[in-house]
Amino acid sequence: MFIFVKKIIRFITHNTLIMTVTVKTRFQVAAEYGISVRTLRRWLKTSQLNVPAYGALNPVSLALIYKTFGHPDPGEA
């Protein structure tokens, strides 16, 4: 069984506002869409999105992916 670690970074400003930033792996994003990581990589390559080739997907990259392919249906995965 795979153990996925969500990296959550909390930034506290001078107004005590807390913003939570979540980074996801490609495996996690692929699982959300119900596809393989290989298929996700093909989608990203075909769409020519400007996302990092390696490492975790940051919130900006995730927003681009969700905007381009739509938000995954929670019932499908």
N, C-alpha and C. Protein backbone atom coordinates (compact mmCIF):
# COMPACT_ATOMS: atom_id res chain seq x y z
N MET A 1 0.85 -1.18 0.00
CA MET A 1 0.00 0.00 0.00
C MET A 1 0.89 1.24 0.00
N PHE A 2 0.50 2.18 -0.84
CA PHE A 2 1.28 3.41 -0.93
C PHE A 2 0.83 4.38 0.16
N ILE A 3 1.78 5.01 0.74
CA ILE A 3 1.48 6.03 1.73
C ILE A 3 1.79 7.37 1.09
N PHE A 4 0.79 8.19 1.01
CA PHE A 4 0.96 9.50 0.40
C PHE A 4 1.12 10.54 1.50
N VAL A 5 2.09 11.33 1.33
CA VAL A 5 2.35 12.37 2.31
C VAL A 5 1.93 13.70 1.72
N LYS A 6 0.99 14.32 2.36
CA LYS A 6 0.61 15.66 1.94
C LYS A 6 1.53 16.63 2.65
N LYS A 7 2.18 17.40 1.88
CA LYS A 7 3.04 18.42 2.46
C LYS A 7 2.20 19.68 2.65
N ILE A 8 2.02 20.05 3.86
CA ILE A 8 1.23 21.23 4.15
C ILE A 8 2.13 22.26 4.83
N ILE A 9 2.17 23.38 4.21
CA ILE A 9 3.00 24.47 4.73
C ILE A 9 2.07 25.58 5.17
N ARG A 10 2.25 26.02 6.36
CA ARG A 10 1.40 27.09 6.87
C ARG A 10 2.20 28.39 7.00
N PHE A 11 1.64 29.41 6.42
CA PHE A 11 2.26 30.72 6.51
C PHE A 11 1.38 31.59 7.42
N ILE A 12 1.96 32.13 8.41
CA ILE A 12 1.21 33.00 9.31
C ILE A 12 1.69 34.43 9.11
N THR A 13 0.78 35.29 8.72
CA THR A 13 1.12 36.68 8.49
C THR A 13 0.97 37.46 9.79
N HIS A 14 1.28 38.73 9.72
CA HIS A 14 1.18 39.58 10.92
C HIS A 14 -0.26 39.73 11.38
N ASN A 15 -1.24 39.45 10.50
CA ASN A 15 -2.66 39.53 10.88
C ASN A 15 -3.18 38.18 11.37
N THR A 16 -2.31 37.24 11.63
CA THR A 16 -2.63 35.88 12.07
C THR A 16 -3.53 35.15 11.07
N LEU A 17 -3.44 35.52 9.81
CA LEU A 17 -4.15 34.82 8.77
C LEU A 17 -3.35 33.58 8.40
N ILE A 18 -4.00 32.44 8.37
CA ILE A 18 -3.32 31.19 8.05
C ILE A 18 -3.74 30.74 6.66
N MET A 19 -2.75 30.50 5.82
CA MET A 19 -3.01 30.02 4.48
C MET A 19 -2.36 28.65 4.36
N THR A 20 -3.12 27.66 3.97
CA THR A 20 -2.59 26.32 3.82
C THR A 20 -2.33 26.04 2.35
N VAL A 21 -1.12 25.60 2.04
CA VAL A 21 -0.74 25.30 0.67
C VAL A 21 -0.51 23.79 0.58
N THR A 22 -1.19 23.13 -0.34
CA THR A 22 -1.04 21.70 -0.50
C THR A 22 -0.32 21.39 -1.80
N VAL A 23 0.66 20.54 -1.73
CA VAL A 23 1.36 20.05 -2.91
C VAL A 23 0.97 18.59 -3.09
N LYS A 24 0.86 18.17 -4.33
CA LYS A 24 0.48 16.79 -4.62
C LYS A 24 1.49 16.16 -5.56
N THR A 25 1.59 14.85 -5.48
CA THR A 25 2.43 14.11 -6.41
C THR A 25 1.63 13.85 -7.69
N ARG A 26 2.32 13.49 -8.75
CA ARG A 26 1.65 13.14 -9.99
C ARG A 26 0.77 11.90 -9.80
N PHE A 27 1.20 11.00 -8.95
CA PHE A 27 0.43 9.79 -8.67
C PHE A 27 -0.92 10.16 -8.03
N GLN A 28 -0.90 11.11 -7.12
CA GLN A 28 -2.13 11.55 -6.46
C GLN A 28 -3.08 12.21 -7.46
N VAL A 29 -2.55 13.06 -8.33
CA VAL A 29 -3.38 13.74 -9.32
C VAL A 29 -3.94 12.72 -10.31
N ALA A 30 -3.11 11.79 -10.76
CA ALA A 30 -3.58 10.76 -11.69
C ALA A 30 -4.68 9.93 -11.04
N ALA A 31 -4.52 9.60 -9.77
CA ALA A 31 -5.54 8.82 -9.06
C ALA A 31 -6.86 9.59 -8.97
N GLU A 32 -6.78 10.91 -8.82
CA GLU A 32 -8.00 11.73 -8.78
C GLU A 32 -8.78 11.61 -10.09
N TYR A 33 -8.05 11.57 -11.20
CA TYR A 33 -8.69 11.46 -12.52
C TYR A 33 -8.99 10.01 -12.91
N GLY A 34 -8.47 9.05 -12.15
CA GLY A 34 -8.70 7.65 -12.47
C GLY A 34 -7.87 7.18 -13.65
N ILE A 35 -6.68 7.76 -13.82
CA ILE A 35 -5.78 7.41 -14.91
C ILE A 35 -4.42 7.04 -14.34
N SER A 36 -3.53 6.55 -15.19
CA SER A 36 -2.18 6.23 -14.75
C SER A 36 -1.30 7.48 -14.80
N VAL A 37 -0.17 7.40 -14.13
CA VAL A 37 0.78 8.52 -14.14
C VAL A 37 1.29 8.73 -15.56
N ARG A 38 1.48 7.65 -16.28
CA ARG A 38 1.95 7.75 -17.66
C ARG A 38 0.96 8.54 -18.53
N THR A 39 -0.33 8.26 -18.35
CA THR A 39 -1.35 8.99 -19.09
C THR A 39 -1.37 10.45 -18.69
N LEU A 40 -1.22 10.74 -17.40
CA LEU A 40 -1.16 12.13 -16.95
C LEU A 40 0.01 12.85 -17.60
N ARG A 41 1.16 12.20 -17.65
CA ARG A 41 2.32 12.82 -18.29
C ARG A 41 2.05 13.11 -19.77
N ARG A 42 1.35 12.20 -20.44
CA ARG A 42 0.99 12.43 -21.85
C ARG A 42 0.05 13.62 -21.98
N TRP A 43 -0.93 13.69 -21.09
CA TRP A 43 -1.86 14.83 -21.12
C TRP A 43 -1.09 16.14 -20.95
N LEU A 44 -0.17 16.17 -20.00
CA LEU A 44 0.59 17.39 -19.75
C LEU A 44 1.46 17.75 -20.94
N LYS A 45 2.07 16.74 -21.55
CA LYS A 45 2.93 16.99 -22.71
C LYS A 45 2.11 17.49 -23.89
N THR A 46 0.96 16.87 -24.14
CA THR A 46 0.11 17.24 -25.26
C THR A 46 -0.45 18.65 -25.10
N SER A 47 -0.83 19.00 -23.89
CA SER A 47 -1.43 20.31 -23.64
C SER A 47 -0.39 21.42 -23.53
N GLN A 48 0.89 21.04 -23.42
CA GLN A 48 2.00 21.98 -23.32
C GLN A 48 1.85 22.93 -22.13
N LEU A 49 1.37 22.39 -21.01
CA LEU A 49 1.28 23.20 -19.80
C LEU A 49 2.67 23.43 -19.24
N ASN A 50 2.86 24.57 -18.64
CA ASN A 50 4.15 24.92 -18.07
C ASN A 50 4.21 24.44 -16.61
N VAL A 51 4.35 23.12 -16.44
CA VAL A 51 4.49 22.53 -15.10
C VAL A 51 5.86 21.89 -15.00
N PRO A 52 6.43 21.83 -13.80
CA PRO A 52 7.75 21.23 -13.65
C PRO A 52 7.74 19.77 -14.08
N ALA A 53 8.83 19.34 -14.69
CA ALA A 53 8.93 17.97 -15.19
C ALA A 53 9.07 16.96 -14.05
N TYR A 54 9.67 17.37 -12.96
CA TYR A 54 9.90 16.46 -11.84
C TYR A 54 9.52 17.14 -10.54
N GLY A 55 9.34 16.35 -9.52
CA GLY A 55 9.02 16.88 -8.20
C GLY A 55 7.53 17.03 -8.00
N ALA A 56 7.18 17.51 -6.83
CA ALA A 56 5.78 17.69 -6.47
C ALA A 56 5.15 18.81 -7.29
N LEU A 57 3.85 18.70 -7.48
CA LEU A 57 3.11 19.73 -8.20
C LEU A 57 2.64 20.77 -7.19
N ASN A 58 3.08 21.99 -7.38
CA ASN A 58 2.73 23.07 -6.46
C ASN A 58 1.32 23.58 -6.76
N PRO A 59 0.76 24.43 -5.91
CA PRO A 59 -0.60 24.91 -6.12
C PRO A 59 -0.83 25.62 -7.45
N VAL A 60 0.16 26.32 -7.96
CA VAL A 60 0.02 27.00 -9.25
C VAL A 60 -0.11 25.96 -10.37
N SER A 61 0.73 24.92 -10.33
CA SER A 61 0.66 23.86 -11.33
C SER A 61 -0.66 23.11 -11.23
N LEU A 62 -1.11 22.84 -10.01
CA LEU A 62 -2.38 22.15 -9.82
C LEU A 62 -3.54 22.97 -10.38
N ALA A 63 -3.50 24.29 -10.17
CA ALA A 63 -4.55 25.16 -10.69
C ALA A 63 -4.58 25.11 -12.22
N LEU A 64 -3.40 25.10 -12.85
CA LEU A 64 -3.33 25.00 -14.32
C LEU A 64 -3.91 23.68 -14.81
N ILE A 65 -3.57 22.60 -14.12
CA ILE A 65 -4.06 21.27 -14.51
C ILE A 65 -5.58 21.22 -14.38
N TYR A 66 -6.11 21.67 -13.23
CA TYR A 66 -7.55 21.62 -13.01
C TYR A 66 -8.30 22.55 -13.96
N LYS A 67 -7.69 23.69 -14.31
CA LYS A 67 -8.33 24.61 -15.25
C LYS A 67 -8.39 24.01 -16.65
N THR A 68 -7.31 23.33 -17.04
CA THR A 68 -7.22 22.75 -18.37
C THR A 68 -8.09 21.51 -18.53
N PHE A 69 -8.02 20.60 -17.57
CA PHE A 69 -8.70 19.31 -17.70
C PHE A 69 -9.99 19.23 -16.89
N GLY A 70 -10.30 20.27 -16.15
CA GLY A 70 -11.48 20.26 -15.29
C GLY A 70 -11.16 19.57 -13.97
N HIS A 71 -11.98 19.88 -12.97
CA HIS A 71 -11.78 19.23 -11.67
C HIS A 71 -12.24 17.79 -11.76
N PRO A 72 -11.46 16.87 -11.21
CA PRO A 72 -11.85 15.45 -11.27
C PRO A 72 -13.12 15.21 -10.46
N ASP A 73 -13.93 14.28 -10.94
CA ASP A 73 -15.14 13.91 -10.24
C ASP A 73 -14.78 13.02 -9.06
N PRO A 74 -15.11 13.41 -7.83
CA PRO A 74 -14.72 12.61 -6.67
C PRO A 74 -15.31 11.20 -6.70
N GLY A 75 -16.40 11.00 -7.39
CA GLY A 75 -17.03 9.68 -7.44
C GLY A 75 -16.35 8.72 -8.41
N GLU A 76 -15.55 9.24 -9.35
CA GLU A 76 -14.92 8.38 -10.36
C GLU A 76 -13.70 7.64 -9.84
N ALA A 77 -12.89 8.29 -9.02
CA ALA A 77 -11.62 7.70 -8.61
C ALA A 77 -11.79 6.58 -7.63
